[in-house]
Amino acid sequence: MAEQSARKGRMLTMLIAGAFLLLVSMLASILYGLRIFGLRDLWQAYSAFDGSTEHLILTNTRVPRTLIAAIVGASLAMAGAIMQVLTKNGLASPSLFGINSGASLFVVAALVMGGGAFALKQLIWFAFIGAAAAAVLVFALGSSGSRIEPSRLALAGASIAAFGTSMTSGLILVNKQSLDDALFWMIGSVSGRSLEHLELVLPYIGTGMLCCMLVARALNVMALGEENAMGLGMRMKYVQMVSAAAVILLAGSAVSVAGPIAFVGLVVPHLCRAVTGNDHRWLLPYCAVAGAILLVTADTLSRFIVPGKEIPVGIATAIIGVPFLIRVARRKKDA
């Protein structure tokens, strides 16, 4: 009992430290970029707003961008942790559900049919619907009776993702005018977004996070194996459905706002699992904090990779994620 209390204290202390690190990284993201500001500038932008360029950049660009990066990073990381349990695959990420390809397909289709008439606010809804539709289809194809079959789920996800990618490429080739707008969204970025865009999906993200925490204890049992879980009286169908709904809400919302940002849902759960183990009651909150830190930091660094220019954060996360993916794959092969 004393050992459990000590471990709980350590875990809580580290989580609080992570939250503090997140606040520091968010503050750095707000203050540093192509233009550098001080704490006094940030304070005056909200306490004595005067409409100057500096105040507009801080209130309309830097702060919304940082908040969106934090929430999107947290959502993708939590979704990735659940996906790895659902599929029993340590290399799984939200893209396995076809979420990225479904969202991309619906956005490009909207651009082609609307002829550029849709603003980003409307495209977010198309992306969310596409992500949810693809994920529900994958979930249906990957189920056998009342249970999800991990191997069928992975195969269905790969098939739907390939189909969505092919259709998206075909639409772009047919209507090249949509290429620039489509690339702006498909590359994955948190720039050019406002708090209004985040507010559209925030209720869905909140619901998804709540679903995560409701099944956290059950995910611990599921990680022991399906037979053991059923032997302990766990209702597999209920847990799997709530878990899948959480992935759809979290990853679908994140992708609809920021585009298909890769590797956050893959990298973060592995890093956090090294600290928390497979206890999802701790793993999921840790993933939320670490995912937010990763994406906020990557977005900040992306402003300095190319002098005088900013690159989309999706490219920065790929630079981080590809070596990690290779390392994990090699470790599994050696094992």
Protein backbone atom coordinates (compact mmCIF):
# COMPACT_ATOMS: atom_id res chain seq x y z
CA MET A 1 0.00 0.00 0.00
CA ALA A 2 2.80 2.37 0.92
CA GLU A 3 4.58 1.53 -2.33
CA GLN A 4 1.44 2.23 -4.36
CA SER A 5 0.96 5.57 -2.61
CA ALA A 6 4.58 6.51 -3.30
CA ARG A 7 4.22 5.58 -6.97
CA LYS A 8 1.01 7.56 -7.24
CA GLY A 9 2.77 10.55 -5.70
CA ARG A 10 5.67 10.27 -8.17
CA MET A 11 3.33 9.96 -11.14
CA LEU A 12 1.30 12.98 -10.04
CA THR A 13 4.44 15.03 -9.46
CA MET A 14 5.77 14.22 -12.91
CA LEU A 15 2.42 15.02 -14.48
CA ILE A 16 2.36 18.42 -12.77
CA ALA A 17 5.94 19.03 -13.93
CA GLY A 18 4.85 18.14 -17.45
CA ALA A 19 1.97 20.60 -17.24
CA PHE A 20 4.40 23.31 -16.15
CA LEU A 21 6.71 22.45 -19.07
CA LEU A 22 3.71 22.71 -21.37
CA LEU A 23 2.95 26.22 -20.11
CA VAL A 24 6.57 27.22 -20.68
CA SER A 25 6.57 25.80 -24.21
CA MET A 26 3.29 27.59 -24.98
CA LEU A 27 4.69 30.88 -23.71
CA ALA A 28 7.79 30.41 -25.90
CA SER A 29 5.55 29.66 -28.88
CA ILE A 30 3.64 32.88 -28.33
CA LEU A 31 6.70 35.08 -27.90
CA TYR A 32 9.19 33.64 -30.43
CA GLY A 33 8.96 33.48 -34.21
CA LEU A 34 9.81 35.66 -37.18
CA ARG A 35 9.01 38.52 -34.80
CA ILE A 36 10.07 38.28 -31.17
CA PHE A 37 7.99 39.74 -28.35
CA GLY A 38 8.43 40.17 -24.62
CA LEU A 39 6.16 39.35 -21.71
CA ARG A 40 5.28 43.02 -21.45
CA ASP A 41 4.05 43.03 -25.05
CA LEU A 42 1.81 40.03 -24.35
CA TRP A 43 0.40 41.63 -21.21
CA GLN A 44 -0.34 44.91 -22.94
CA ALA A 45 -1.94 43.15 -25.92
CA TYR A 46 -4.72 42.01 -23.60
CA SER A 47 -4.74 44.67 -20.90
CA ALA A 48 -4.32 47.72 -23.15
CA PHE A 49 -5.03 46.62 -26.73
CA ASP A 50 -4.35 49.48 -29.14
CA GLY A 51 -4.85 47.84 -32.53
CA SER A 52 -1.15 47.95 -33.39
CA THR A 53 0.45 45.33 -35.62
CA GLU A 54 2.24 43.81 -32.64
CA HIS A 55 -0.95 43.43 -30.62
CA LEU A 56 -2.83 42.01 -33.59
CA ILE A 57 -0.14 39.40 -34.21
CA LEU A 58 -0.22 38.30 -30.59
CA THR A 59 -4.00 38.17 -30.14
CA ASN A 60 -5.07 37.02 -33.61
CA THR A 61 -2.18 34.79 -34.63
CA ARG A 62 0.25 33.63 -31.96
CA VAL A 63 -2.15 32.86 -29.09
CA PRO A 64 -4.78 31.05 -31.22
CA ARG A 65 -2.05 29.14 -33.04
CA THR A 66 -0.48 28.00 -29.79
CA LEU A 67 -3.77 26.94 -28.21
CA ILE A 68 -4.75 25.00 -31.33
CA ALA A 69 -1.35 23.25 -31.43
CA ALA A 70 -1.67 22.23 -27.78
CA ILE A 71 -5.20 20.86 -28.10
CA VAL A 72 -4.56 19.12 -31.42
CA GLY A 73 -1.36 17.53 -30.08
CA ALA A 74 -3.15 16.28 -26.96
CA SER A 75 -6.03 14.87 -29.02
CA LEU A 76 -3.82 13.01 -31.49
CA ALA A 77 -1.66 11.52 -28.74
CA MET A 78 -4.63 10.23 -26.74
CA ALA A 79 -6.22 8.81 -29.89
CA GLY A 80 -2.95 7.06 -30.76
CA ALA A 81 -2.69 5.44 -27.33
CA ILE A 82 -6.18 4.00 -27.67
CA MET A 83 -5.56 2.84 -31.24
CA GLN A 84 -2.54 0.85 -30.10
CA VAL A 85 -4.69 -1.01 -27.56
CA LEU A 86 -7.60 -1.57 -29.96
CA THR A 87 -5.38 -2.99 -32.70
CA LYS A 88 -2.80 -4.64 -30.42
CA ASN A 89 -0.24 -2.96 -32.65
CA GLY A 90 2.47 -0.73 -31.25
CA LEU A 91 2.87 0.96 -34.64
CA ALA A 92 -0.79 1.96 -34.87
CA SER A 93 -1.82 5.62 -35.06
CA PRO A 94 -5.07 7.47 -35.87
CA SER A 95 -4.29 7.35 -39.58
CA LEU A 96 -4.86 3.59 -39.39
CA PHE A 97 -8.58 4.32 -39.04
CA GLY A 98 -8.54 6.05 -42.42
CA ILE A 99 -9.18 9.35 -40.67
CA ASN A 100 -6.55 11.34 -42.57
CA SER A 101 -7.52 10.03 -45.99
CA GLY A 102 -11.25 10.41 -45.33
CA ALA A 103 -10.86 14.00 -44.22
CA SER A 104 -8.60 14.81 -47.18
CA LEU A 105 -11.02 13.28 -49.66
CA PHE A 106 -14.00 15.28 -48.38
CA VAL A 107 -12.03 18.53 -48.29
CA VAL A 108 -10.76 18.13 -51.84
CA ALA A 109 -14.24 17.09 -53.04
CA ALA A 110 -15.68 20.23 -51.44
CA LEU A 111 -13.03 22.38 -53.13
CA VAL A 112 -13.69 20.78 -56.51
CA MET A 113 -17.48 21.01 -56.29
CA GLY A 114 -17.55 24.45 -54.67
CA GLY A 115 -14.96 25.99 -56.94
CA GLY A 116 -13.18 27.67 -54.02
CA ALA A 117 -16.41 29.07 -52.57
CA PHE A 118 -15.88 27.41 -49.20
CA ALA A 119 -13.93 29.18 -46.46
CA LEU A 120 -11.78 27.30 -43.96
CA LYS A 121 -14.66 27.37 -41.48
CA GLN A 122 -16.83 25.35 -43.88
CA LEU A 123 -13.97 23.06 -44.89
CA ILE A 124 -13.52 22.06 -41.24
CA TRP A 125 -17.00 20.53 -41.25
CA PHE A 126 -16.32 18.65 -44.50
CA ALA A 127 -13.07 17.33 -43.01
CA PHE A 128 -14.75 16.23 -39.79
CA ILE A 129 -17.56 14.45 -41.62
CA GLY A 130 -15.07 12.74 -43.94
CA ALA A 131 -12.87 11.63 -41.05
CA ALA A 132 -15.84 10.29 -39.10
CA ALA A 133 -17.33 8.52 -42.13
CA ALA A 134 -14.05 6.78 -42.96
CA ALA A 135 -13.48 5.74 -39.35
CA VAL A 136 -17.02 4.37 -38.95
CA LEU A 137 -16.62 2.40 -42.19
CA VAL A 138 -13.30 0.96 -41.04
CA PHE A 139 -14.83 0.10 -37.65
CA ALA A 140 -17.74 -1.70 -39.37
CA LEU A 141 -15.46 -3.63 -41.74
CA GLY A 142 -13.06 -4.51 -38.93
CA SER A 143 -15.76 -5.96 -36.70
CA SER A 144 -16.78 -9.59 -36.55
CA GLY A 145 -20.20 -9.89 -35.00
CA SER A 146 -20.08 -7.84 -31.82
CA ARG A 147 -16.29 -7.68 -31.49
CA ILE A 148 -13.47 -5.83 -33.19
CA GLU A 149 -10.89 -8.07 -34.83
CA PRO A 150 -7.51 -6.27 -34.67
CA SER A 151 -6.17 -7.88 -37.86
CA ARG A 152 -9.36 -7.09 -39.80
CA LEU A 153 -9.37 -3.55 -38.42
CA ALA A 154 -5.80 -2.95 -39.63
CA LEU A 155 -6.58 -4.40 -43.06
CA ALA A 156 -9.79 -2.38 -43.39
CA GLY A 157 -7.98 0.78 -42.34
CA ALA A 158 -5.20 0.26 -44.86
CA SER A 159 -7.74 -0.40 -47.62
CA ILE A 160 -9.89 2.65 -46.87
CA ALA A 161 -6.80 4.84 -46.50
CA ALA A 162 -5.47 3.69 -49.88
CA PHE A 163 -8.87 4.22 -51.51
CA GLY A 164 -9.24 7.70 -50.03
CA THR A 165 -5.73 8.72 -51.09
CA SER A 166 -6.30 7.48 -54.65
CA MET A 167 -9.62 9.30 -54.96
CA THR A 168 -8.11 12.49 -53.55
CA SER A 169 -5.26 12.38 -56.08
CA GLY A 170 -7.73 11.76 -58.89
CA LEU A 171 -9.88 14.75 -57.93
CA ILE A 172 -6.84 17.01 -57.77
CA LEU A 173 -5.71 15.87 -61.22
CA VAL A 174 -9.18 16.49 -62.64
CA ASN A 175 -9.42 19.96 -61.13
CA LYS A 176 -5.95 21.46 -60.72
CA GLN A 177 -7.40 24.77 -59.47
CA SER A 178 -8.10 23.06 -56.15
CA LEU A 179 -4.47 21.97 -55.78
CA ASP A 180 -3.16 25.02 -53.90
CA ASP A 181 -6.07 25.14 -51.46
CA ALA A 182 -5.93 21.39 -50.94
CA LEU A 183 -2.19 21.40 -50.27
CA PHE A 184 -2.61 24.23 -47.75
CA TRP A 185 -4.84 21.97 -45.69
CA MET A 186 -3.35 18.53 -46.47
CA ILE A 187 0.21 19.42 -45.48
CA GLY A 188 -0.82 19.75 -41.83
CA SER A 189 -0.49 23.14 -40.17
CA VAL A 190 -1.80 25.18 -37.25
CA SER A 191 -1.10 28.54 -38.88
CA GLY A 192 -3.91 30.49 -40.48
CA ARG A 193 -6.41 29.14 -37.95
CA SER A 194 -8.36 31.18 -35.43
CA LEU A 195 -10.04 30.45 -32.11
CA GLU A 196 -13.34 30.39 -33.98
CA HIS A 197 -12.14 27.31 -35.87
CA LEU A 198 -11.14 25.62 -32.63
CA GLU A 199 -14.48 26.44 -31.00
CA LEU A 200 -16.28 24.50 -33.75
CA VAL A 201 -14.74 21.19 -32.69
CA LEU A 202 -13.94 21.81 -29.01
CA PRO A 203 -17.16 20.13 -27.76
CA TYR A 204 -16.27 16.99 -29.74
CA ILE A 205 -12.72 16.98 -28.41
CA GLY A 206 -14.00 17.39 -24.85
CA THR A 207 -16.42 14.49 -25.34
CA GLY A 208 -13.66 12.34 -26.80
CA MET A 209 -11.35 13.01 -23.85
CA LEU A 210 -14.17 12.18 -21.44
CA CYS A 211 -14.74 8.87 -23.26
CA CYS A 212 -11.03 8.12 -22.91
CA MET A 213 -11.06 8.53 -19.17
CA LEU A 214 -14.29 6.52 -18.79
CA VAL A 215 -12.67 3.44 -20.36
CA ALA A 216 -9.14 3.95 -19.01
CA ARG A 217 -9.46 1.22 -16.37
CA ALA A 218 -11.08 -1.15 -18.86
CA LEU A 219 -8.24 -0.56 -21.33
CA ASN A 220 -5.84 -1.89 -18.70
CA VAL A 221 -7.79 -5.14 -18.66
CA MET A 222 -8.06 -5.21 -22.47
CA ALA A 223 -4.28 -4.94 -22.71
CA LEU A 224 -4.01 -8.29 -20.90
CA GLY A 225 -5.70 -10.04 -23.83
CA GLU A 226 -9.24 -10.60 -24.98
CA GLU A 227 -9.71 -13.97 -23.26
CA ASN A 228 -8.47 -12.64 -19.93
CA ALA A 229 -10.67 -9.55 -20.25
CA MET A 230 -13.79 -11.59 -20.95
CA GLY A 231 -12.89 -13.99 -18.15
CA LEU A 232 -12.88 -11.03 -15.77
CA GLY A 233 -16.40 -10.12 -16.90
CA MET A 234 -15.53 -7.11 -19.04
CA ARG A 235 -18.04 -6.13 -21.70
CA MET A 236 -15.70 -6.04 -24.68
CA LYS A 237 -18.23 -4.67 -27.15
CA TYR A 238 -19.04 -1.68 -24.92
CA VAL A 239 -15.38 -0.84 -24.26
CA GLN A 240 -14.42 -1.21 -27.91
CA MET A 241 -17.29 0.97 -29.11
CA VAL A 242 -16.57 3.75 -26.60
CA SER A 243 -12.85 3.55 -27.43
CA ALA A 244 -13.54 3.74 -31.16
CA ALA A 245 -15.88 6.69 -30.60
CA ALA A 246 -13.13 8.45 -28.64
CA VAL A 247 -10.65 7.95 -31.50
CA ILE A 248 -13.15 9.26 -34.05
CA LEU A 249 -13.98 12.35 -31.99
CA LEU A 250 -10.41 13.19 -31.00
CA ALA A 251 -8.54 12.41 -34.20
CA GLY A 252 -11.38 13.53 -36.47
CA SER A 253 -11.61 16.90 -34.73
CA ALA A 254 -7.84 17.38 -34.69
CA VAL A 255 -7.44 16.52 -38.37
CA SER A 256 -10.37 18.71 -39.39
CA VAL A 257 -8.76 21.78 -37.80
CA ALA A 258 -5.06 21.24 -38.47
CA GLY A 259 -4.96 18.79 -41.35
CA PRO A 260 -3.34 15.34 -41.30
CA ILE A 261 -0.42 15.86 -38.93
CA ALA A 262 1.50 12.61 -38.74
CA PHE A 263 3.49 10.77 -36.08
CA VAL A 264 2.17 12.53 -32.94
CA GLY A 265 -0.24 9.66 -32.31
CA LEU A 266 2.56 7.16 -32.84
CA VAL A 267 5.51 8.72 -31.02
CA VAL A 268 3.93 10.11 -27.86
CA PRO A 269 2.26 6.94 -26.50
CA HIS A 270 5.57 5.07 -26.73
CA LEU A 271 7.44 7.79 -24.89
CA CYS A 272 4.79 8.04 -22.16
CA ARG A 273 4.45 4.27 -21.79
CA ALA A 274 8.12 4.15 -20.82
CA VAL A 275 7.15 6.18 -17.73
CA THR A 276 3.63 5.00 -16.90
CA GLY A 277 3.66 1.43 -18.18
CA ASN A 278 0.33 0.14 -19.48
CA ASP A 279 -1.77 1.82 -16.79
CA HIS A 280 -4.05 3.91 -19.00
CA ARG A 281 -5.37 5.86 -16.02
CA TRP A 282 -1.98 7.58 -16.09
CA LEU A 283 -0.96 6.96 -19.68
CA LEU A 284 -3.82 8.95 -21.23
CA PRO A 285 -3.26 12.15 -19.16
CA TYR A 286 0.47 11.86 -19.78
CA CYS A 287 -0.17 11.49 -23.52
CA ALA A 288 -2.37 14.59 -23.48
CA VAL A 289 0.35 16.70 -21.86
CA ALA A 290 3.25 15.23 -23.85
CA GLY A 291 1.33 15.43 -27.15
CA ALA A 292 0.60 19.09 -26.53
CA ILE A 293 4.25 19.78 -25.67
CA LEU A 294 5.47 17.96 -28.78
CA LEU A 295 3.24 19.77 -31.24
CA VAL A 296 3.68 23.21 -29.64
CA THR A 297 7.46 22.77 -29.60
CA ALA A 298 7.52 21.43 -33.17
CA ASP A 299 5.46 24.40 -34.33
CA THR A 300 7.83 26.82 -32.61
CA LEU A 301 10.93 25.17 -34.09
CA SER A 302 9.35 25.10 -37.56
CA ARG A 303 9.65 28.89 -37.62
CA PHE A 304 13.45 28.68 -37.47
CA ILE A 305 14.31 25.67 -39.70
CA VAL A 306 14.38 27.83 -42.84
CA PRO A 307 15.68 31.35 -42.08
CA GLY A 308 13.05 33.99 -42.76
CA LYS A 309 10.31 31.46 -43.51
CA GLU A 310 7.95 29.15 -41.66
CA ILE A 311 7.38 25.56 -42.68
CA PRO A 312 4.16 23.67 -41.82
CA VAL A 313 4.29 21.83 -38.52
CA GLY A 314 3.34 18.61 -40.32
CA ILE A 315 6.80 18.59 -41.92
CA ALA A 316 8.46 19.23 -38.55
CA THR A 317 6.66 16.30 -36.89
CA ALA A 318 7.65 14.07 -39.82
CA ILE A 319 11.31 15.00 -39.29
CA ILE A 320 10.93 13.94 -35.65
CA GLY A 321 8.72 10.93 -36.28
CA VAL A 322 10.43 9.06 -39.12
CA PRO A 323 13.64 8.21 -37.18
CA PHE A 324 11.51 7.18 -34.19
CA LEU A 325 9.35 4.92 -36.39
CA ILE A 326 12.45 3.25 -37.82
CA ARG A 327 13.83 2.72 -34.30
CA VAL A 328 10.59 1.14 -33.05
CA ALA A 329 10.32 -1.10 -36.11
CA ARG A 330 13.93 -2.28 -35.72
CA ARG A 331 13.38 -2.99 -32.02
CA LYS A 332 10.31 -5.10 -32.82
CA LYS A 333 12.26 -6.99 -35.48
CA ASP A 334 15.12 -7.70 -33.09
CA ALA A 335 12.65 -8.85 -30.43
